[in-house]
Amino acid sequence: MKLPENFNPAERGERARNYFQEGYNCCQAVMLAFADILEANKLAGEELLKTIGSGFGGGFGRMREVCGAFSGCTVLAGFLSPAVTPGHDTRTANYALVQELADGFRERNGGSIICGELLGLQEHKPEGPAPSERTAEYYCKRPCPEIVCNAATLVAEKMKEAAR
């Protein structure tokens, strides 16, 4: 995958944080941080990424399961190490990358990839489909902006490694 000359992993993390603070869900925010690169490489555009990521927010539709930000990492792993044909070799490489991303995600975000655990919820039960209001209080009490930033930075670091 070709990257821009000025590609900076920390800046991609900030892009993701900004998308999240604009109101995109955690998965969309992580993926949108790379929309320009995916589009330049003729892999995917912004609207497709928004569409793909739409159901992953809140740990899969607010069920507080796998974190949406990590789901974004997993989707992006498919662009970095695609497994688009049957066979074990490409799938093995893709799964290895996803597992590396999971390890890095856990390391940077408190040891889990589970939304409910990252939020410190006692029970990870669905909260109903209506998203939380994005108020100043919401952003103060939730670790999500930082988690989204960490996730996109992690993916960007892997992209940079792969481009070498």
N, C-alpha and C. Protein backbone atom coordinates (compact mmCIF):
# COMPACT_ATOMS: atom_id res chain seq x y z
N MET A 1 0.86 -1.18 0.00
CA MET A 1 0.00 0.00 0.00
C MET A 1 0.90 1.23 0.00
N LYS A 2 0.63 2.13 -0.90
CA LYS A 2 1.41 3.36 -1.00
C LYS A 2 0.88 4.37 0.03
N LEU A 3 1.81 4.96 0.77
CA LEU A 3 1.46 5.95 1.79
C LEU A 3 1.97 7.32 1.37
N PRO A 4 1.32 8.38 1.83
CA PRO A 4 1.82 9.73 1.54
C PRO A 4 3.20 9.95 2.17
N GLU A 5 3.99 10.80 1.58
CA GLU A 5 5.34 11.08 2.11
C GLU A 5 5.30 11.56 3.55
N ASN A 6 4.32 12.36 3.88
CA ASN A 6 4.22 12.94 5.22
C ASN A 6 3.41 12.08 6.19
N PHE A 7 3.29 10.79 5.91
CA PHE A 7 2.48 9.89 6.74
C PHE A 7 3.00 9.86 8.17
N ASN A 8 2.09 10.12 9.12
CA ASN A 8 2.47 10.22 10.52
C ASN A 8 1.44 9.46 11.36
N PRO A 9 1.84 8.36 12.02
CA PRO A 9 0.89 7.58 12.81
C PRO A 9 0.15 8.39 13.88
N ALA A 10 0.85 9.27 14.58
CA ALA A 10 0.19 10.07 15.63
C ALA A 10 -0.88 10.97 15.03
N GLU A 11 -0.62 11.51 13.86
CA GLU A 11 -1.59 12.37 13.19
C GLU A 11 -2.83 11.57 12.79
N ARG A 12 -2.64 10.31 12.39
CA ARG A 12 -3.79 9.46 12.04
C ARG A 12 -4.63 9.18 13.28
N GLY A 13 -3.98 9.03 14.42
CA GLY A 13 -4.70 8.86 15.67
C GLY A 13 -5.56 10.08 15.98
N GLU A 14 -4.99 11.25 15.78
CA GLU A 14 -5.74 12.49 16.03
C GLU A 14 -6.90 12.64 15.05
N ARG A 15 -6.68 12.23 13.80
CA ARG A 15 -7.79 12.25 12.83
C ARG A 15 -8.94 11.40 13.34
N ALA A 16 -8.61 10.20 13.82
CA ALA A 16 -9.66 9.31 14.32
C ALA A 16 -10.39 9.95 15.50
N ARG A 17 -9.63 10.53 16.43
CA ARG A 17 -10.26 11.21 17.58
C ARG A 17 -11.20 12.31 17.09
N ASN A 18 -10.77 13.07 16.12
CA ASN A 18 -11.61 14.16 15.57
C ASN A 18 -12.87 13.62 14.93
N TYR A 19 -12.75 12.53 14.16
CA TYR A 19 -13.96 11.94 13.56
C TYR A 19 -14.92 11.47 14.66
N PHE A 20 -14.39 10.87 15.71
CA PHE A 20 -15.24 10.43 16.80
C PHE A 20 -15.94 11.62 17.45
N GLN A 21 -15.20 12.69 17.66
CA GLN A 21 -15.79 13.87 18.30
C GLN A 21 -16.75 14.61 17.37
N GLU A 22 -16.69 14.33 16.08
CA GLU A 22 -17.69 14.87 15.15
C GLU A 22 -19.00 14.08 15.22
N GLY A 23 -18.96 12.89 15.85
CA GLY A 23 -20.17 12.11 16.01
C GLY A 23 -20.16 10.75 15.34
N TYR A 24 -19.10 10.41 14.62
CA TYR A 24 -19.00 9.07 14.04
C TYR A 24 -18.77 8.06 15.16
N ASN A 25 -19.23 6.82 14.93
CA ASN A 25 -18.99 5.83 15.97
C ASN A 25 -17.51 5.44 15.97
N CYS A 26 -17.12 4.66 16.96
CA CYS A 26 -15.70 4.35 17.17
C CYS A 26 -15.09 3.61 15.98
N CYS A 27 -15.81 2.67 15.41
CA CYS A 27 -15.30 1.93 14.26
C CYS A 27 -15.15 2.84 13.04
N GLN A 28 -16.18 3.61 12.76
CA GLN A 28 -16.12 4.54 11.63
C GLN A 28 -14.97 5.52 11.79
N ALA A 29 -14.78 6.03 13.00
CA ALA A 29 -13.73 7.03 13.24
C ALA A 29 -12.35 6.46 12.92
N VAL A 30 -12.09 5.22 13.36
CA VAL A 30 -10.80 4.60 13.09
C VAL A 30 -10.63 4.40 11.59
N MET A 31 -11.63 3.88 10.93
CA MET A 31 -11.50 3.62 9.49
C MET A 31 -11.40 4.91 8.68
N LEU A 32 -12.18 5.91 9.05
CA LEU A 32 -12.15 7.17 8.30
C LEU A 32 -10.81 7.87 8.39
N ALA A 33 -10.04 7.59 9.42
CA ALA A 33 -8.71 8.19 9.53
C ALA A 33 -7.80 7.76 8.39
N PHE A 34 -8.20 6.72 7.66
CA PHE A 34 -7.40 6.18 6.55
C PHE A 34 -8.13 6.25 5.22
N ALA A 35 -9.24 6.95 5.16
CA ALA A 35 -10.04 7.01 3.93
C ALA A 35 -9.24 7.54 2.75
N ASP A 36 -8.45 8.56 2.97
CA ASP A 36 -7.68 9.14 1.85
C ASP A 36 -6.66 8.14 1.31
N ILE A 37 -6.06 7.36 2.18
CA ILE A 37 -5.05 6.38 1.74
C ILE A 37 -5.73 5.23 1.00
N LEU A 38 -6.82 4.73 1.54
CA LEU A 38 -7.53 3.63 0.89
C LEU A 38 -8.07 4.07 -0.47
N GLU A 39 -8.54 5.31 -0.53
CA GLU A 39 -9.05 5.83 -1.80
C GLU A 39 -7.92 6.01 -2.81
N ALA A 40 -6.79 6.55 -2.38
CA ALA A 40 -5.65 6.75 -3.27
C ALA A 40 -5.12 5.42 -3.81
N ASN A 41 -5.28 4.35 -3.02
CA ASN A 41 -4.84 3.02 -3.44
C ASN A 41 -5.96 2.24 -4.13
N LYS A 42 -7.06 2.92 -4.42
CA LYS A 42 -8.22 2.35 -5.10
C LYS A 42 -8.78 1.12 -4.38
N LEU A 43 -8.83 1.20 -3.06
CA LEU A 43 -9.34 0.10 -2.25
C LEU A 43 -10.72 0.36 -1.68
N ALA A 44 -10.98 1.58 -1.25
CA ALA A 44 -12.28 1.93 -0.65
C ALA A 44 -12.37 3.43 -0.51
N GLY A 45 -13.58 3.93 -0.53
CA GLY A 45 -13.81 5.36 -0.34
C GLY A 45 -14.47 5.64 0.99
N GLU A 46 -14.59 6.91 1.28
CA GLU A 46 -15.14 7.36 2.56
C GLU A 46 -16.55 6.83 2.81
N GLU A 47 -17.42 6.90 1.82
CA GLU A 47 -18.80 6.46 2.02
C GLU A 47 -18.88 4.97 2.31
N LEU A 48 -18.05 4.17 1.62
CA LEU A 48 -18.03 2.73 1.89
C LEU A 48 -17.55 2.46 3.31
N LEU A 49 -16.53 3.16 3.76
CA LEU A 49 -16.03 2.97 5.12
C LEU A 49 -17.08 3.36 6.16
N LYS A 50 -17.77 4.44 5.93
CA LYS A 50 -18.84 4.85 6.84
C LYS A 50 -19.92 3.77 6.91
N THR A 51 -20.24 3.21 5.76
CA THR A 51 -21.28 2.19 5.68
C THR A 51 -20.85 0.91 6.37
N ILE A 52 -19.65 0.44 6.06
CA ILE A 52 -19.14 -0.80 6.67
C ILE A 52 -19.09 -0.67 8.18
N GLY A 53 -18.61 0.47 8.68
CA GLY A 53 -18.42 0.65 10.11
C GLY A 53 -19.66 1.00 10.89
N SER A 54 -20.78 1.23 10.23
CA SER A 54 -21.95 1.77 10.92
C SER A 54 -22.52 0.88 12.02
N GLY A 55 -22.44 -0.42 11.93
CA GLY A 55 -23.04 -1.28 12.95
C GLY A 55 -22.10 -1.71 14.06
N PHE A 56 -20.83 -1.33 13.99
CA PHE A 56 -19.85 -1.81 14.96
C PHE A 56 -19.72 -0.92 16.20
N GLY A 57 -20.33 0.25 16.20
CA GLY A 57 -20.21 1.17 17.33
C GLY A 57 -20.81 0.59 18.60
N GLY A 58 -20.24 0.98 19.73
CA GLY A 58 -20.76 0.54 21.02
C GLY A 58 -20.58 -0.95 21.25
N GLY A 59 -19.54 -1.52 20.65
CA GLY A 59 -19.31 -2.94 20.84
C GLY A 59 -20.33 -3.80 20.12
N PHE A 60 -20.53 -3.51 18.85
CA PHE A 60 -21.51 -4.18 17.98
C PHE A 60 -22.92 -3.70 18.34
N GLY A 61 -23.29 -2.56 17.83
CA GLY A 61 -24.65 -2.06 18.01
C GLY A 61 -25.04 -1.83 19.46
N ARG A 62 -24.10 -1.27 20.24
CA ARG A 62 -24.31 -0.96 21.66
C ARG A 62 -24.57 -2.20 22.51
N MET A 63 -24.08 -3.36 22.07
CA MET A 63 -24.20 -4.57 22.88
C MET A 63 -23.01 -4.72 23.82
N ARG A 64 -22.03 -3.81 23.71
CA ARG A 64 -20.85 -3.75 24.57
C ARG A 64 -19.98 -5.00 24.48
N GLU A 65 -19.93 -5.57 23.30
CA GLU A 65 -19.08 -6.73 23.04
C GLU A 65 -17.72 -6.24 22.54
N VAL A 66 -17.21 -6.74 21.41
CA VAL A 66 -15.90 -6.31 20.91
C VAL A 66 -15.95 -4.82 20.60
N CYS A 67 -14.98 -4.09 21.12
CA CYS A 67 -14.90 -2.64 20.94
C CYS A 67 -14.94 -2.27 19.45
N GLY A 68 -15.73 -1.27 19.14
CA GLY A 68 -15.82 -0.80 17.76
C GLY A 68 -14.50 -0.29 17.21
N ALA A 69 -13.70 0.34 18.06
CA ALA A 69 -12.40 0.83 17.60
C ALA A 69 -11.52 -0.35 17.20
N PHE A 70 -11.57 -1.44 17.97
CA PHE A 70 -10.81 -2.62 17.58
C PHE A 70 -11.42 -3.27 16.34
N SER A 71 -12.73 -3.23 16.20
CA SER A 71 -13.36 -3.73 14.98
C SER A 71 -12.84 -2.96 13.77
N GLY A 72 -12.65 -1.65 13.92
CA GLY A 72 -12.07 -0.86 12.84
C GLY A 72 -10.67 -1.32 12.50
N CYS A 73 -9.88 -1.65 13.52
CA CYS A 73 -8.53 -2.21 13.28
C CYS A 73 -8.63 -3.49 12.48
N THR A 74 -9.58 -4.33 12.83
CA THR A 74 -9.74 -5.63 12.17
C THR A 74 -10.14 -5.45 10.71
N VAL A 75 -11.06 -4.54 10.44
CA VAL A 75 -11.45 -4.28 9.05
C VAL A 75 -10.25 -3.76 8.27
N LEU A 76 -9.51 -2.85 8.85
CA LEU A 76 -8.34 -2.30 8.16
C LEU A 76 -7.26 -3.35 7.94
N ALA A 77 -7.19 -4.35 8.82
CA ALA A 77 -6.24 -5.46 8.62
C ALA A 77 -6.52 -6.17 7.31
N GLY A 78 -7.77 -6.19 6.90
CA GLY A 78 -8.13 -6.80 5.62
C GLY A 78 -7.56 -6.05 4.44
N PHE A 79 -7.33 -4.76 4.58
CA PHE A 79 -6.71 -3.98 3.51
C PHE A 79 -5.19 -4.11 3.54
N LEU A 80 -4.64 -4.29 4.73
CA LEU A 80 -3.19 -4.44 4.87
C LEU A 80 -2.71 -5.83 4.50
N SER A 81 -3.48 -6.82 4.85
CA SER A 81 -3.12 -8.22 4.60
C SER A 81 -4.37 -8.97 4.15
N PRO A 82 -4.78 -8.74 2.91
CA PRO A 82 -6.05 -9.30 2.45
C PRO A 82 -6.03 -10.82 2.35
N ALA A 83 -7.15 -11.42 2.66
CA ALA A 83 -7.37 -12.85 2.50
C ALA A 83 -8.63 -12.99 1.64
N VAL A 84 -8.49 -12.70 0.36
CA VAL A 84 -9.65 -12.61 -0.53
C VAL A 84 -9.89 -13.85 -1.38
N THR A 85 -9.00 -14.82 -1.26
CA THR A 85 -9.20 -16.08 -1.97
C THR A 85 -9.12 -17.21 -0.96
N PRO A 86 -9.78 -18.32 -1.26
CA PRO A 86 -9.69 -19.45 -0.34
C PRO A 86 -8.24 -19.92 -0.22
N GLY A 87 -7.88 -20.34 0.93
CA GLY A 87 -6.53 -20.83 1.15
C GLY A 87 -6.02 -20.42 2.50
N HIS A 88 -5.11 -21.20 3.00
CA HIS A 88 -4.62 -20.97 4.35
C HIS A 88 -3.55 -19.91 4.46
N ASP A 89 -2.73 -19.72 3.44
CA ASP A 89 -1.60 -18.80 3.56
C ASP A 89 -2.05 -17.36 3.80
N THR A 90 -2.94 -16.87 2.96
CA THR A 90 -3.36 -15.47 3.13
C THR A 90 -4.20 -15.31 4.40
N ARG A 91 -5.00 -16.31 4.70
CA ARG A 91 -5.81 -16.23 5.91
C ARG A 91 -4.92 -16.25 7.15
N THR A 92 -3.89 -17.09 7.12
CA THR A 92 -2.96 -17.16 8.25
C THR A 92 -2.29 -15.80 8.46
N ALA A 93 -1.84 -15.18 7.38
CA ALA A 93 -1.19 -13.87 7.49
C ALA A 93 -2.16 -12.82 8.03
N ASN A 94 -3.40 -12.84 7.56
CA ASN A 94 -4.40 -11.89 8.03
C ASN A 94 -4.70 -12.11 9.50
N TYR A 95 -4.92 -13.34 9.90
CA TYR A 95 -5.21 -13.64 11.29
C TYR A 95 -4.04 -13.28 12.20
N ALA A 96 -2.82 -13.50 11.71
CA ALA A 96 -1.64 -13.12 12.51
C ALA A 96 -1.62 -11.62 12.74
N LEU A 97 -1.95 -10.85 11.70
CA LEU A 97 -1.99 -9.39 11.83
C LEU A 97 -3.09 -8.98 12.81
N VAL A 98 -4.25 -9.58 12.70
CA VAL A 98 -5.35 -9.24 13.62
C VAL A 98 -4.93 -9.55 15.06
N GLN A 99 -4.25 -10.67 15.28
CA GLN A 99 -3.80 -11.01 16.63
C GLN A 99 -2.74 -10.03 17.13
N GLU A 100 -1.84 -9.59 16.24
CA GLU A 100 -0.85 -8.56 16.62
C GLU A 100 -1.55 -7.27 17.00
N LEU A 101 -2.55 -6.89 16.20
CA LEU A 101 -3.30 -5.68 16.50
C LEU A 101 -4.03 -5.81 17.84
N ALA A 102 -4.59 -6.98 18.11
CA ALA A 102 -5.28 -7.19 19.38
C ALA A 102 -4.32 -7.04 20.55
N ASP A 103 -3.13 -7.63 20.41
CA ASP A 103 -2.14 -7.49 21.49
C ASP A 103 -1.76 -6.02 21.71
N GLY A 104 -1.51 -5.30 20.62
CA GLY A 104 -1.16 -3.88 20.74
C GLY A 104 -2.30 -3.06 21.29
N PHE A 105 -3.52 -3.37 20.87
CA PHE A 105 -4.71 -2.66 21.35
C PHE A 105 -4.87 -2.87 22.86
N ARG A 106 -4.75 -4.12 23.29
CA ARG A 106 -4.87 -4.41 24.73
C ARG A 106 -3.80 -3.66 25.52
N GLU A 107 -2.59 -3.68 25.01
CA GLU A 107 -1.47 -3.02 25.69
C GLU A 107 -1.71 -1.52 25.88
N ARG A 108 -2.30 -0.89 24.89
CA ARG A 108 -2.50 0.56 24.92
C ARG A 108 -3.79 0.97 25.61
N ASN A 109 -4.71 0.02 25.79
CA ASN A 109 -6.06 0.39 26.25
C ASN A 109 -6.55 -0.40 27.46
N GLY A 110 -5.68 -0.73 28.37
CA GLY A 110 -6.13 -1.32 29.62
C GLY A 110 -6.36 -2.81 29.62
N GLY A 111 -5.84 -3.53 28.64
CA GLY A 111 -5.85 -4.98 28.71
C GLY A 111 -7.03 -5.70 28.10
N SER A 112 -7.89 -5.01 27.38
CA SER A 112 -9.08 -5.67 26.84
C SER A 112 -9.39 -5.17 25.44
N ILE A 113 -10.17 -5.97 24.70
CA ILE A 113 -10.76 -5.51 23.44
C ILE A 113 -12.28 -5.48 23.57
N ILE A 114 -12.79 -5.67 24.77
CA ILE A 114 -14.23 -5.74 25.02
C ILE A 114 -14.73 -4.37 25.46
N CYS A 115 -15.69 -3.84 24.74
CA CYS A 115 -16.23 -2.50 24.99
C CYS A 115 -16.67 -2.33 26.45
N GLY A 116 -17.49 -3.24 26.94
CA GLY A 116 -18.01 -3.11 28.31
C GLY A 116 -16.90 -3.07 29.35
N GLU A 117 -15.86 -3.85 29.13
CA GLU A 117 -14.73 -3.85 30.07
C GLU A 117 -13.95 -2.54 29.96
N LEU A 118 -13.75 -2.05 28.74
CA LEU A 118 -13.04 -0.79 28.55
C LEU A 118 -13.79 0.38 29.18
N LEU A 119 -15.11 0.29 29.19
CA LEU A 119 -15.94 1.34 29.79
C LEU A 119 -16.11 1.15 31.30
N GLY A 120 -15.64 0.04 31.83
CA GLY A 120 -15.77 -0.22 33.26
C GLY A 120 -17.19 -0.59 33.68
N LEU A 121 -17.97 -1.13 32.76
CA LEU A 121 -19.34 -1.52 33.08
C LEU A 121 -19.34 -2.83 33.85
N GLN A 122 -20.19 -2.95 34.84
CA GLN A 122 -20.28 -4.17 35.64
C GLN A 122 -20.84 -5.32 34.81
N GLU A 123 -21.81 -5.01 33.99
CA GLU A 123 -22.41 -6.01 33.09
C GLU A 123 -22.29 -5.48 31.68
N HIS A 124 -21.98 -6.36 30.75
CA HIS A 124 -21.94 -5.90 29.36
C HIS A 124 -23.23 -6.35 28.69
N LYS A 125 -24.28 -5.70 29.00
CA LYS A 125 -25.54 -6.04 28.37
C LYS A 125 -25.93 -4.93 27.40
N PRO A 126 -26.69 -5.26 26.39
CA PRO A 126 -27.12 -4.24 25.44
C PRO A 126 -27.84 -3.10 26.16
N GLU A 127 -27.62 -1.90 25.67
CA GLU A 127 -28.21 -0.71 26.29
C GLU A 127 -29.36 -0.14 25.47
N GLY A 128 -29.84 -0.87 24.51
CA GLY A 128 -30.85 -0.35 23.61
C GLY A 128 -30.16 0.29 22.42
N PRO A 129 -30.86 0.45 21.33
CA PRO A 129 -30.22 0.89 20.11
C PRO A 129 -29.90 2.39 20.00
N ALA A 130 -30.52 3.22 20.80
CA ALA A 130 -30.29 4.67 20.67
C ALA A 130 -28.89 5.04 21.16
N PRO A 131 -28.08 5.68 20.31
CA PRO A 131 -26.74 6.08 20.75
C PRO A 131 -26.80 7.12 21.87
N SER A 132 -25.73 7.13 22.66
CA SER A 132 -25.62 8.13 23.73
C SER A 132 -25.50 9.53 23.13
N GLU A 133 -26.06 10.50 23.83
CA GLU A 133 -25.90 11.89 23.41
C GLU A 133 -24.44 12.28 23.57
N ARG A 134 -23.88 12.93 22.59
CA ARG A 134 -22.48 13.34 22.63
C ARG A 134 -22.38 14.74 23.24
N THR A 135 -22.38 14.77 24.54
CA THR A 135 -22.28 16.03 25.28
C THR A 135 -20.86 16.17 25.82
N ALA A 136 -20.54 17.33 26.38
CA ALA A 136 -19.23 17.53 26.99
C ALA A 136 -19.02 16.52 28.12
N GLU A 137 -20.08 16.24 28.87
CA GLU A 137 -20.01 15.26 29.96
C GLU A 137 -19.68 13.87 29.42
N TYR A 138 -20.30 13.51 28.30
CA TYR A 138 -20.03 12.22 27.67
C TYR A 138 -18.54 12.08 27.38
N TYR A 139 -17.95 13.09 26.74
CA TYR A 139 -16.54 13.01 26.38
C TYR A 139 -15.63 13.01 27.60
N CYS A 140 -16.06 13.63 28.70
CA CYS A 140 -15.25 13.64 29.93
C CYS A 140 -15.25 12.30 30.64
N LYS A 141 -16.38 11.58 30.61
CA LYS A 141 -16.47 10.34 31.38
C LYS A 141 -16.13 9.09 30.58
N ARG A 142 -15.98 9.19 29.27
CA ARG A 142 -15.72 8.03 28.44
C ARG A 142 -14.27 8.02 27.97
N PRO A 143 -13.64 6.84 27.96
CA PRO A 143 -12.28 6.73 27.43
C PRO A 143 -12.25 6.62 25.91
N CYS A 144 -13.40 6.62 25.28
CA CYS A 144 -13.51 6.33 23.85
C CYS A 144 -12.65 7.21 22.94
N PRO A 145 -12.60 8.53 23.13
CA PRO A 145 -11.74 9.32 22.24
C PRO A 145 -10.28 8.89 22.27
N GLU A 146 -9.78 8.55 23.44
CA GLU A 146 -8.39 8.09 23.56
C GLU A 146 -8.22 6.70 22.96
N ILE A 147 -9.19 5.83 23.17
CA ILE A 147 -9.13 4.48 22.61
C ILE A 147 -9.12 4.53 21.09
N VAL A 148 -9.98 5.36 20.52
CA VAL A 148 -10.04 5.53 19.07
C VAL A 148 -8.70 6.05 18.54
N CYS A 149 -8.15 7.01 19.21
CA CYS A 149 -6.85 7.57 18.83
C CYS A 149 -5.77 6.49 18.88
N ASN A 150 -5.73 5.73 19.96
CA ASN A 150 -4.75 4.66 20.11
C ASN A 150 -4.90 3.60 19.02
N ALA A 151 -6.14 3.26 18.70
CA ALA A 151 -6.40 2.23 17.68
C ALA A 151 -5.89 2.68 16.32
N ALA A 152 -6.21 3.89 15.92
CA ALA A 152 -5.77 4.38 14.61
C ALA A 152 -4.26 4.54 14.56
N THR A 153 -3.65 4.97 15.65
CA THR A 153 -2.19 5.10 15.70
C THR A 153 -1.55 3.73 15.51
N LEU A 154 -2.10 2.73 16.16
CA LEU A 154 -1.59 1.36 16.04
C LEU A 154 -1.67 0.87 14.59
N VAL A 155 -2.81 1.05 13.96
CA VAL A 155 -2.95 0.64 12.56
C VAL A 155 -1.96 1.39 11.68
N ALA A 156 -1.82 2.68 11.93
CA ALA A 156 -0.89 3.49 11.12
C ALA A 156 0.55 3.00 11.27
N GLU A 157 0.91 2.60 12.47
CA GLU A 157 2.25 2.05 12.67
C GLU A 157 2.44 0.77 11.87
N LYS A 158 1.42 -0.09 11.84
CA LYS A 158 1.48 -1.32 11.04
C LYS A 158 1.55 -1.00 9.55
N MET A 159 0.82 0.02 9.12
CA MET A 159 0.87 0.43 7.70
C MET A 159 2.28 0.90 7.34
N LYS A 160 2.86 1.66 8.23
CA LYS A 160 4.21 2.18 7.99
C LYS A 160 5.23 1.02 7.91
N GLU A 161 5.10 0.06 8.82
CA GLU A 161 5.97 -1.12 8.78
C GLU A 161 5.81 -1.87 7.47
N ALA A 162 4.57 -2.07 7.04
CA ALA A 162 4.30 -2.83 5.82
C ALA A 162 4.81 -2.12 4.57
N ALA A 163 4.85 -0.78 4.62
CA ALA A 163 5.29 0.01 3.46
C ALA A 163 6.80 0.01 3.29
N ARG A 164 7.52 -0.41 4.30
CA ARG A 164 9.00 -0.41 4.23
C ARG A 164 9.52 -1.44 3.28
